[in-house]
Amino acid sequence: MNRYEFLKKTPELVVQRRIALDWYANLAQISQLSVHLIILVCELVASVQVRGFAKNQKGGAAVLARGLKFTLGTEVVKGYGTYGQWTFGIAWTAWLGFLCITETAPDYLHLTKRFGLIAASQLPIHYLLAATPLQLLLKSSYRLNMSLHKVTGNIIIAFLAVHISFYSFLFVKMGIFWQSIQQSNIKVAVISACIFFILGITATQFFRHRHYWWFYKLHVIGSALVLPLLFFHVHHIRTYLFESAAVLIINAVLRTFSSRG
């Protein structure tokens, strides 16, 4: 952190920071959508090829496709994710980490804000991966979508933890920690962070397998509750919150109609 310092606030700095924050957050979301679409297309093509080769067991391509799919779906350690999840998770964390850091020095506050905004930019597609419409449309990719959902959830929580830690350090350094956390926009952020951490803990395989009812209910309620809370945190993330809310509303409507049918 030696490269960073608390810069004096000026109108020019605020404008430049805002432009960079929005640019990199949008880039993070666009790249997230692009990568997930590429993964989904590869999964669909691989599934078709595997089914086609199943009728003819000869050929190295069939063996290679089945072997790769088996390896990526194998758990590294029981209960701690597959090789595919770890590979994607490490690569995606590195990419988002780069987007959080690049062109922020020496502005410590810019770095701090970047982690929070980029984490927020990942929410809509994270919600979409577990939504009913996508599962109904792409039944063959249900396990893949849920695997990506778990990984992106962990990354979002990790980046929010960095965002909170950096802000806490700033408040302590400036001697305004207790005054700051009493502000309403900070209070809703703290409550939202607690909800995210609870969702992360209850989503672990250990908890999910033993208390699935609690996991499901907390996930449904918590994922919906954080959106209005974060709405009152800062206005810069509201676009991503509206997108996430749209996913939840459409998902709820389709689940209602599918249950009646």
C-alpha atoms as a PDB file:
ATOM      1  CA  MET A   1       0.000   0.000   0.000  1.00  0.00           C
ATOM      2  CA  ASN A   2       3.059   2.294  -0.116  1.00  0.00           C
ATOM      3  CA  ARG A   3       1.995   3.491  -3.570  1.00  0.00           C
ATOM      4  CA  TYR A   4      -1.300   4.845  -2.223  1.00  0.00           C
ATOM      5  CA  GLU A   5      -2.173   7.921  -0.207  1.00  0.00           C
ATOM      6  CA  PHE A   6      -5.214   9.919   0.835  1.00  0.00           C
ATOM      7  CA  LEU A   7      -5.470  12.570  -1.858  1.00  0.00           C
ATOM      8  CA  LYS A   8      -7.036  15.956  -1.292  1.00  0.00           C
ATOM      9  CA  LYS A   9     -10.562  16.083  -2.724  1.00  0.00           C
ATOM     10  CA  THR A  10     -10.887  18.394  -5.727  1.00  0.00           C
ATOM     11  CA  PRO A  11     -13.653  18.736  -8.369  1.00  0.00           C
ATOM     12  CA  GLU A  12     -11.264  17.495 -11.071  1.00  0.00           C
ATOM     13  CA  LEU A  13     -10.288  14.439  -9.021  1.00  0.00           C
ATOM     14  CA  VAL A  14     -13.918  13.551  -8.303  1.00  0.00           C
ATOM     15  CA  VAL A  15     -14.873  13.736 -12.007  1.00  0.00           C
ATOM     16  CA  GLN A  16     -11.866  11.709 -13.170  1.00  0.00           C
ATOM     17  CA  ARG A  17     -12.463   9.119 -10.470  1.00  0.00           C
ATOM     18  CA  ARG A  18     -16.154   8.808 -11.360  1.00  0.00           C
ATOM     19  CA  ILE A  19     -15.412   8.278 -15.065  1.00  0.00           C
ATOM     20  CA  ALA A  20     -12.819   5.590 -14.303  1.00  0.00           C
ATOM     21  CA  LEU A  21     -15.027   3.850 -11.736  1.00  0.00           C
ATOM     22  CA  ASP A  22     -17.983   3.602 -14.109  1.00  0.00           C
ATOM     23  CA  TRP A  23     -15.811   2.517 -17.029  1.00  0.00           C
ATOM     24  CA  TYR A  24     -14.113  -0.349 -15.200  1.00  0.00           C
ATOM     25  CA  ALA A  25     -17.322  -1.500 -13.493  1.00  0.00           C
ATOM     26  CA  ASN A  26     -19.126  -1.664 -16.847  1.00  0.00           C
ATOM     27  CA  LEU A  27     -16.135  -3.452 -18.366  1.00  0.00           C
ATOM     28  CA  ALA A  28     -16.268  -5.973 -15.515  1.00  0.00           C
ATOM     29  CA  GLN A  29     -19.940  -6.683 -16.182  1.00  0.00           C
ATOM     30  CA  ILE A  30     -19.557  -6.885 -19.976  1.00  0.00           C
ATOM     31  CA  SER A  31     -16.600  -9.231 -19.649  1.00  0.00           C
ATOM     32  CA  GLN A  32     -18.564 -11.336 -17.138  1.00  0.00           C
ATOM     33  CA  LEU A  33     -21.440 -11.704 -19.597  1.00  0.00           C
ATOM     34  CA  SER A  34     -19.062 -12.503 -22.458  1.00  0.00           C
ATOM     35  CA  VAL A  35     -17.146 -15.141 -20.515  1.00  0.00           C
ATOM     36  CA  HIS A  36     -20.311 -16.851 -19.249  1.00  0.00           C
ATOM     37  CA  LEU A  37     -21.738 -16.948 -22.767  1.00  0.00           C
ATOM     38  CA  ILE A  38     -18.514 -18.497 -24.082  1.00  0.00           C
ATOM     39  CA  ILE A  39     -18.526 -21.091 -21.288  1.00  0.00           C
ATOM     40  CA  LEU A  40     -22.192 -21.865 -21.938  1.00  0.00           C
ATOM     41  CA  VAL A  41     -21.674 -22.296 -25.684  1.00  0.00           C
ATOM     42  CA  CYS A  42     -18.658 -24.550 -25.075  1.00  0.00           C
ATOM     43  CA  GLU A  43     -20.715 -26.620 -22.634  1.00  0.00           C
ATOM     44  CA  LEU A  44     -23.575 -27.008 -25.127  1.00  0.00           C
ATOM     45  CA  VAL A  45     -21.197 -27.950 -27.963  1.00  0.00           C
ATOM     46  CA  ALA A  46     -19.342 -30.410 -25.732  1.00  0.00           C
ATOM     47  CA  SER A  47     -22.623 -32.001 -24.627  1.00  0.00           C
ATOM     48  CA  VAL A  48     -23.735 -32.479 -28.236  1.00  0.00           C
ATOM     49  CA  GLN A  49     -20.365 -33.926 -29.180  1.00  0.00           C
ATOM     50  CA  VAL A  50     -20.306 -36.299 -26.222  1.00  0.00           C
ATOM     51  CA  ARG A  51     -23.802 -37.571 -27.055  1.00  0.00           C
ATOM     52  CA  GLY A  52     -22.824 -37.951 -30.685  1.00  0.00           C
ATOM     53  CA  PHE A  53     -19.623 -39.800 -29.915  1.00  0.00           C
ATOM     54  CA  ALA A  54     -21.426 -42.030 -27.440  1.00  0.00           C
ATOM     55  CA  LYS A  55     -22.919 -43.881 -30.415  1.00  0.00           C
ATOM     56  CA  ASN A  56     -19.439 -44.496 -31.769  1.00  0.00           C
ATOM     57  CA  GLN A  57     -16.904 -45.147 -29.047  1.00  0.00           C
ATOM     58  CA  LYS A  58     -13.990 -44.984 -31.500  1.00  0.00           C
ATOM     59  CA  GLY A  59     -12.018 -41.773 -31.884  1.00  0.00           C
ATOM     60  CA  GLY A  60      -9.723 -39.760 -29.656  1.00  0.00           C
ATOM     61  CA  ALA A  61     -11.993 -36.705 -29.700  1.00  0.00           C
ATOM     62  CA  ALA A  62     -14.716 -38.535 -27.795  1.00  0.00           C
ATOM     63  CA  VAL A  63     -12.280 -39.806 -25.198  1.00  0.00           C
ATOM     64  CA  LEU A  64     -10.714 -36.358 -24.833  1.00  0.00           C
ATOM     65  CA  ALA A  65     -14.116 -34.631 -24.442  1.00  0.00           C
ATOM     66  CA  ARG A  66     -15.291 -37.100 -21.806  1.00  0.00           C
ATOM     67  CA  GLY A  67     -11.968 -37.009 -19.984  1.00  0.00           C
ATOM     68  CA  LEU A  68     -11.852 -33.210 -19.843  1.00  0.00           C
ATOM     69  CA  LYS A  69     -15.440 -32.971 -18.624  1.00  0.00           C
ATOM     70  CA  PHE A  70     -14.783 -35.613 -15.979  1.00  0.00           C
ATOM     71  CA  THR A  71     -11.606 -33.879 -14.767  1.00  0.00           C
ATOM     72  CA  LEU A  72     -13.211 -30.433 -14.524  1.00  0.00           C
ATOM     73  CA  GLY A  73     -16.143 -31.959 -12.627  1.00  0.00           C
ATOM     74  CA  THR A  74     -13.937 -33.806 -10.130  1.00  0.00           C
ATOM     75  CA  GLU A  75     -13.646 -32.312  -6.636  1.00  0.00           C
ATOM     76  CA  VAL A  76     -10.212 -31.047  -5.620  1.00  0.00           C
ATOM     77  CA  VAL A  77     -11.006 -31.895  -2.004  1.00  0.00           C
ATOM     78  CA  LYS A  78     -14.384 -33.278  -0.994  1.00  0.00           C
ATOM     79  CA  GLY A  79     -16.721 -30.406  -0.230  1.00  0.00           C
ATOM     80  CA  TYR A  80     -14.353 -27.708  -1.512  1.00  0.00           C
ATOM     81  CA  GLY A  81     -15.193 -27.376  -5.188  1.00  0.00           C
ATOM     82  CA  THR A  82     -14.200 -28.994  -8.463  1.00  0.00           C
ATOM     83  CA  TYR A  83     -11.128 -28.421 -10.610  1.00  0.00           C
ATOM     84  CA  GLY A  84     -13.340 -26.504 -13.021  1.00  0.00           C
ATOM     85  CA  GLN A  85     -14.615 -24.209 -10.280  1.00  0.00           C
ATOM     86  CA  TRP A  86     -11.120 -23.547  -8.953  1.00  0.00           C
ATOM     87  CA  THR A  87      -9.715 -22.899 -12.424  1.00  0.00           C
ATOM     88  CA  PHE A  88     -12.483 -20.455 -13.277  1.00  0.00           C
ATOM     89  CA  GLY A  89     -12.421 -18.911  -9.802  1.00  0.00           C
ATOM     90  CA  ILE A  90      -8.687 -18.188  -9.807  1.00  0.00           C
ATOM     91  CA  ALA A  91      -8.743 -16.814 -13.358  1.00  0.00           C
ATOM     92  CA  TRP A  92     -11.811 -14.645 -12.764  1.00  0.00           C
ATOM     93  CA  THR A  93     -10.529 -13.327  -9.429  1.00  0.00           C
ATOM     94  CA  ALA A  94      -7.267 -12.360 -11.121  1.00  0.00           C
ATOM     95  CA  TRP A  95      -9.100 -10.540 -13.918  1.00  0.00           C
ATOM     96  CA  LEU A  96     -11.427  -8.643 -11.576  1.00  0.00           C
ATOM     97  CA  GLY A  97      -8.493  -7.892  -9.285  1.00  0.00           C
ATOM     98  CA  PHE A  98      -6.677  -6.342 -12.231  1.00  0.00           C
ATOM     99  CA  LEU A  99      -9.746  -4.226 -13.042  1.00  0.00           C
ATOM    100  CA  CYS A 100      -9.893  -3.110  -9.398  1.00  0.00           C
ATOM    101  CA  ILE A 101      -6.267  -2.013  -9.244  1.00  0.00           C
ATOM    102  CA  THR A 102      -5.342  -0.653 -12.667  1.00  0.00           C
ATOM    103  CA  GLU A 103      -5.189   3.158 -12.946  1.00  0.00           C
ATOM    104  CA  THR A 104      -6.015   3.747  -9.290  1.00  0.00           C
ATOM    105  CA  ALA A 105      -2.587   4.674  -7.851  1.00  0.00           C
ATOM    106  CA  PRO A 106      -1.922   6.780  -5.883  1.00  0.00           C
ATOM    107  CA  ASP A 107      -5.600   7.405  -5.013  1.00  0.00           C
ATOM    108  CA  TYR A 108      -6.407   5.162  -2.023  1.00  0.00           C
ATOM    109  CA  LEU A 109     -10.090   6.135  -2.008  1.00  0.00           C
ATOM    110  CA  HIS A 110     -10.390   5.282  -5.706  1.00  0.00           C
ATOM    111  CA  LEU A 111      -8.946   1.830  -5.043  1.00  0.00           C
ATOM    112  CA  THR A 112     -11.367   1.316  -2.174  1.00  0.00           C
ATOM    113  CA  LYS A 113     -14.395   2.348  -4.205  1.00  0.00           C
ATOM    114  CA  ARG A 114     -13.314   0.260  -7.194  1.00  0.00           C
ATOM    115  CA  PHE A 115     -13.499  -3.008  -5.236  1.00  0.00           C
ATOM    116  CA  GLY A 116     -17.038  -2.250  -4.078  1.00  0.00           C
ATOM    117  CA  LEU A 117     -18.363  -1.093  -7.446  1.00  0.00           C
ATOM    118  CA  ILE A 118     -16.891  -3.997  -9.397  1.00  0.00           C
ATOM    119  CA  ALA A 119     -18.334  -6.430  -6.851  1.00  0.00           C
ATOM    120  CA  ALA A 120     -21.757  -4.816  -7.376  1.00  0.00           C
ATOM    121  CA  SER A 121     -21.374  -5.085 -11.160  1.00  0.00           C
ATOM    122  CA  GLN A 122     -21.232  -8.879 -10.841  1.00  0.00           C
ATOM    123  CA  LEU A 123     -24.562  -9.201  -9.007  1.00  0.00           C
ATOM    124  CA  PRO A 124     -27.075  -9.243 -11.915  1.00  0.00           C
ATOM    125  CA  ILE A 125     -25.505 -12.147 -13.791  1.00  0.00           C
ATOM    126  CA  HIS A 126     -24.757 -13.896 -10.491  1.00  0.00           C
ATOM    127  CA  TYR A 127     -28.501 -13.781  -9.769  1.00  0.00           C
ATOM    128  CA  LEU A 128     -29.329 -14.806 -13.335  1.00  0.00           C
ATOM    129  CA  LEU A 129     -27.220 -17.977 -13.129  1.00  0.00           C
ATOM    130  CA  ALA A 130     -29.543 -19.359 -10.437  1.00  0.00           C
ATOM    131  CA  ALA A 131     -32.791 -18.038 -11.950  1.00  0.00           C
ATOM    132  CA  THR A 132     -35.631 -20.267 -13.125  1.00  0.00           C
ATOM    133  CA  PRO A 133     -35.854 -18.846 -16.697  1.00  0.00           C
ATOM    134  CA  LEU A 134     -32.278 -19.837 -17.483  1.00  0.00           C
ATOM    135  CA  GLN A 135     -32.726 -23.266 -15.916  1.00  0.00           C
ATOM    136  CA  LEU A 136     -35.905 -23.915 -17.918  1.00  0.00           C
ATOM    137  CA  LEU A 137     -34.256 -22.797 -21.145  1.00  0.00           C
ATOM    138  CA  LEU A 138     -30.969 -24.643 -20.601  1.00  0.00           C
ATOM    139  CA  LYS A 139     -31.782 -27.713 -18.541  1.00  0.00           C
ATOM    140  CA  SER A 140     -28.651 -29.540 -19.704  1.00  0.00           C
ATOM    141  CA  SER A 141     -26.442 -26.773 -18.249  1.00  0.00           C
ATOM    142  CA  TYR A 142     -28.082 -26.571 -14.807  1.00  0.00           C
ATOM    143  CA  ARG A 143     -25.063 -27.970 -12.933  1.00  0.00           C
ATOM    144  CA  LEU A 144     -22.668 -25.694 -14.813  1.00  0.00           C
ATOM    145  CA  ASN A 145     -24.770 -22.601 -14.092  1.00  0.00           C
ATOM    146  CA  MET A 146     -24.993 -23.420 -10.399  1.00  0.00           C
ATOM    147  CA  SER A 147     -21.248 -24.087 -10.236  1.00  0.00           C
ATOM    148  CA  LEU A 148     -20.546 -20.665 -11.740  1.00  0.00           C
ATOM    149  CA  HIS A 149     -23.133 -19.134  -9.397  1.00  0.00           C
ATOM    150  CA  LYS A 150     -21.286 -20.521  -6.360  1.00  0.00           C
ATOM    151  CA  VAL A 151     -17.903 -19.286  -7.568  1.00  0.00           C
ATOM    152  CA  THR A 152     -19.080 -15.790  -8.478  1.00  0.00           C
ATOM    153  CA  GLY A 153     -20.846 -15.542  -5.121  1.00  0.00           C
ATOM    154  CA  ASN A 154     -17.611 -16.258  -3.261  1.00  0.00           C
ATOM    155  CA  ILE A 155     -15.720 -13.733  -5.381  1.00  0.00           C
ATOM    156  CA  ILE A 156     -18.339 -11.027  -4.779  1.00  0.00           C
ATOM    157  CA  ILE A 157     -18.183 -11.599  -1.017  1.00  0.00           C
ATOM    158  CA  ALA A 158     -14.360 -11.520  -1.068  1.00  0.00           C
ATOM    159  CA  PHE A 159     -14.258  -8.239  -2.978  1.00  0.00           C
ATOM    160  CA  LEU A 160     -16.862  -6.691  -0.684  1.00  0.00           C
ATOM    161  CA  ALA A 161     -14.733  -7.774   2.273  1.00  0.00           C
ATOM    162  CA  VAL A 162     -11.738  -5.944   0.760  1.00  0.00           C
ATOM    163  CA  HIS A 163     -13.920  -2.883   0.126  1.00  0.00           C
ATOM    164  CA  ILE A 164     -15.087  -2.841   3.750  1.00  0.00           C
ATOM    165  CA  SER A 165     -11.591  -3.460   5.124  1.00  0.00           C
ATOM    166  CA  PHE A 166     -10.091  -0.616   3.101  1.00  0.00           C
ATOM    167  CA  TYR A 167     -12.820   1.794   4.171  1.00  0.00           C
ATOM    168  CA  SER A 168     -12.467   0.733   7.812  1.00  0.00           C
ATOM    169  CA  PHE A 169      -8.723   1.398   7.649  1.00  0.00           C
ATOM    170  CA  LEU A 170      -9.415   4.821   6.135  1.00  0.00           C
ATOM    171  CA  PHE A 171     -11.926   5.722   8.858  1.00  0.00           C
ATOM    172  CA  VAL A 172      -9.582   4.567  11.617  1.00  0.00           C
ATOM    173  CA  LYS A 173      -6.648   6.419  10.093  1.00  0.00           C
ATOM    174  CA  MET A 174      -8.700   9.622   9.929  1.00  0.00           C
ATOM    175  CA  GLY A 175     -10.064   9.091  13.450  1.00  0.00           C
ATOM    176  CA  ILE A 176     -13.689   9.061  12.319  1.00  0.00           C
ATOM    177  CA  PHE A 177     -14.535   5.361  12.535  1.00  0.00           C
ATOM    178  CA  TRP A 178     -17.344   5.566  15.108  1.00  0.00           C
ATOM    179  CA  GLN A 179     -18.822   8.718  13.608  1.00  0.00           C
ATOM    180  CA  SER A 180     -18.821   7.159  10.144  1.00  0.00           C
ATOM    181  CA  ILE A 181     -20.563   3.893  11.015  1.00  0.00           C
ATOM    182  CA  GLN A 182     -23.404   5.867  12.600  1.00  0.00           C
ATOM    183  CA  GLN A 183     -24.312   7.427   9.239  1.00  0.00           C
ATOM    184  CA  SER A 184     -27.377   5.867   7.616  1.00  0.00           C
ATOM    185  CA  ASN A 185     -25.676   5.020   4.312  1.00  0.00           C
ATOM    186  CA  ILE A 186     -22.899   3.229   6.197  1.00  0.00           C
ATOM    187  CA  LYS A 187     -25.344   1.394   8.467  1.00  0.00           C
ATOM    188  CA  VAL A 188     -27.189  -0.136   5.500  1.00  0.00           C
ATOM    189  CA  ALA A 189     -23.822  -1.125   4.027  1.00  0.00           C
ATOM    190  CA  VAL A 190     -22.833  -2.891   7.264  1.00  0.00           C
ATOM    191  CA  ILE A 191     -26.180  -4.710   7.414  1.00  0.00           C
ATOM    192  CA  SER A 192     -25.822  -5.719   3.754  1.00  0.00           C
ATOM    193  CA  ALA A 193     -22.317  -7.007   4.390  1.00  0.00           C
ATOM    194  CA  CYS A 194     -23.562  -9.128   7.301  1.00  0.00           C
ATOM    195  CA  ILE A 195     -26.273 -10.602   5.045  1.00  0.00           C
ATOM    196  CA  PHE A 196     -23.734 -11.407   2.335  1.00  0.00           C
ATOM    197  CA  PHE A 197     -21.452 -13.129   4.829  1.00  0.00           C
ATOM    198  CA  ILE A 198     -24.371 -15.135   6.240  1.00  0.00           C
ATOM    199  CA  LEU A 199     -25.305 -16.198   2.703  1.00  0.00           C
ATOM    200  CA  GLY A 200     -21.718 -17.231   2.081  1.00  0.00           C
ATOM    201  CA  ILE A 201     -21.506 -19.312   5.250  1.00  0.00           C
ATOM    202  CA  THR A 202     -24.871 -21.006   4.767  1.00  0.00           C
ATOM    203  CA  ALA A 203     -24.017 -21.772   1.115  1.00  0.00           C
ATOM    204  CA  THR A 204     -21.095 -24.008   2.110  1.00  0.00           C
ATOM    205  CA  GLN A 205     -21.590 -27.681   1.395  1.00  0.00           C
ATOM    206  CA  PHE A 206     -21.309 -28.523   5.105  1.00  0.00           C
ATOM    207  CA  PHE A 207     -24.245 -26.266   6.045  1.00  0.00           C
ATOM    208  CA  ARG A 208     -26.274 -26.783   2.876  1.00  0.00           C
ATOM    209  CA  HIS A 209     -26.375 -30.575   3.152  1.00  0.00           C
ATOM    210  CA  ARG A 210     -27.321 -30.547   6.848  1.00  0.00           C
ATOM    211  CA  HIS A 211     -29.750 -27.619   6.863  1.00  0.00           C
ATOM    212  CA  TYR A 212     -30.997 -27.243   3.306  1.00  0.00           C
ATOM    213  CA  TRP A 213     -34.310 -25.638   4.344  1.00  0.00           C
ATOM    214  CA  TRP A 214     -32.484 -22.884   6.211  1.00  0.00           C
ATOM    215  CA  PHE A 215     -29.988 -22.456   3.372  1.00  0.00           C
ATOM    216  CA  TYR A 216     -32.771 -22.047   0.811  1.00  0.00           C
ATOM    217  CA  LYS A 217     -34.921 -19.669   2.865  1.00  0.00           C
ATOM    218  CA  LEU A 218     -31.986 -17.491   3.897  1.00  0.00           C
ATOM    219  CA  HIS A 219     -30.756 -17.366   0.316  1.00  0.00           C
ATOM    220  CA  VAL A 220     -34.129 -16.303  -1.081  1.00  0.00           C
ATOM    221  CA  ILE A 221     -34.802 -13.703   1.619  1.00  0.00           C
ATOM    222  CA  GLY A 222     -31.244 -12.424   1.929  1.00  0.00           C
ATOM    223  CA  SER A 223     -30.597 -12.041  -1.802  1.00  0.00           C
ATOM    224  CA  ALA A 224     -33.771  -9.963  -2.120  1.00  0.00           C
ATOM    225  CA  LEU A 225     -33.214  -7.917   1.047  1.00  0.00           C
ATOM    226  CA  VAL A 226     -29.727  -6.652   0.176  1.00  0.00           C
ATOM    227  CA  LEU A 227     -30.953  -4.890  -2.970  1.00  0.00           C
ATOM    228  CA  PRO A 228     -33.136  -2.217  -1.274  1.00  0.00           C
ATOM    229  CA  LEU A 229     -30.545  -1.861   1.485  1.00  0.00           C
ATOM    230  CA  LEU A 230     -27.725  -1.177  -0.977  1.00  0.00           C
ATOM    231  CA  PHE A 231     -30.018   1.201  -2.867  1.00  0.00           C
ATOM    232  CA  PHE A 232     -29.638   3.590   0.086  1.00  0.00           C
ATOM    233  CA  HIS A 233     -25.880   3.066   0.328  1.00  0.00           C
ATOM    234  CA  VAL A 234     -24.614   4.884  -2.781  1.00  0.00           C
ATOM    235  CA  HIS A 235     -26.407   5.828  -5.985  1.00  0.00           C
ATOM    236  CA  HIS A 236     -23.571   4.711  -8.285  1.00  0.00           C
ATOM    237  CA  ILE A 237     -24.487   1.035  -7.959  1.00  0.00           C
ATOM    238  CA  ARG A 238     -28.216   1.450  -8.519  1.00  0.00           C
ATOM    239  CA  THR A 239     -28.085   0.413 -12.177  1.00  0.00           C
ATOM    240  CA  TYR A 240     -26.750  -2.996 -11.127  1.00  0.00           C
ATOM    241  CA  LEU A 241     -29.329  -3.207  -8.346  1.00  0.00           C
ATOM    242  CA  PHE A 242     -32.184  -2.512 -10.775  1.00  0.00           C
ATOM    243  CA  GLU A 243     -30.847  -5.212 -13.101  1.00  0.00           C
ATOM    244  CA  SER A 244     -30.637  -7.674 -10.207  1.00  0.00           C
ATOM    245  CA  ALA A 245     -34.147  -6.760  -9.041  1.00  0.00           C
ATOM    246  CA  ALA A 246     -35.481  -7.358 -12.559  1.00  0.00           C
ATOM    247  CA  VAL A 247     -33.955 -10.845 -12.533  1.00  0.00           C
ATOM    248  CA  LEU A 248     -35.515 -11.629  -9.144  1.00  0.00           C
ATOM    249  CA  ILE A 249     -38.961 -10.328 -10.162  1.00  0.00           C
ATOM    250  CA  ILE A 250     -39.013 -12.240 -13.463  1.00  0.00           C
ATOM    251  CA  ASN A 251     -37.737 -15.327 -11.671  1.00  0.00           C
ATOM    252  CA  ALA A 252     -40.486 -15.081  -9.024  1.00  0.00           C
ATOM    253  CA  VAL A 253     -43.213 -14.633 -11.652  1.00  0.00           C
ATOM    254  CA  LEU A 254     -42.030 -17.602 -13.724  1.00  0.00           C
ATOM    255  CA  ARG A 255     -41.662 -19.803 -10.648  1.00  0.00           C
ATOM    256  CA  THR A 256     -45.252 -18.945  -9.688  1.00  0.00           C
ATOM    257  CA  PHE A 257     -46.597 -19.828 -13.139  1.00  0.00           C
ATOM    258  CA  SER A 258     -44.520 -23.025 -13.360  1.00  0.00           C
ATOM    259  CA  SER A 259     -45.761 -24.201  -9.950  1.00  0.00           C
ATOM    260  CA  ARG A 260     -49.380 -23.585 -10.959  1.00  0.00           C
ATOM    261  CA  GLY A 261     -48.844 -25.448 -14.193  1.00  0.00           C
END
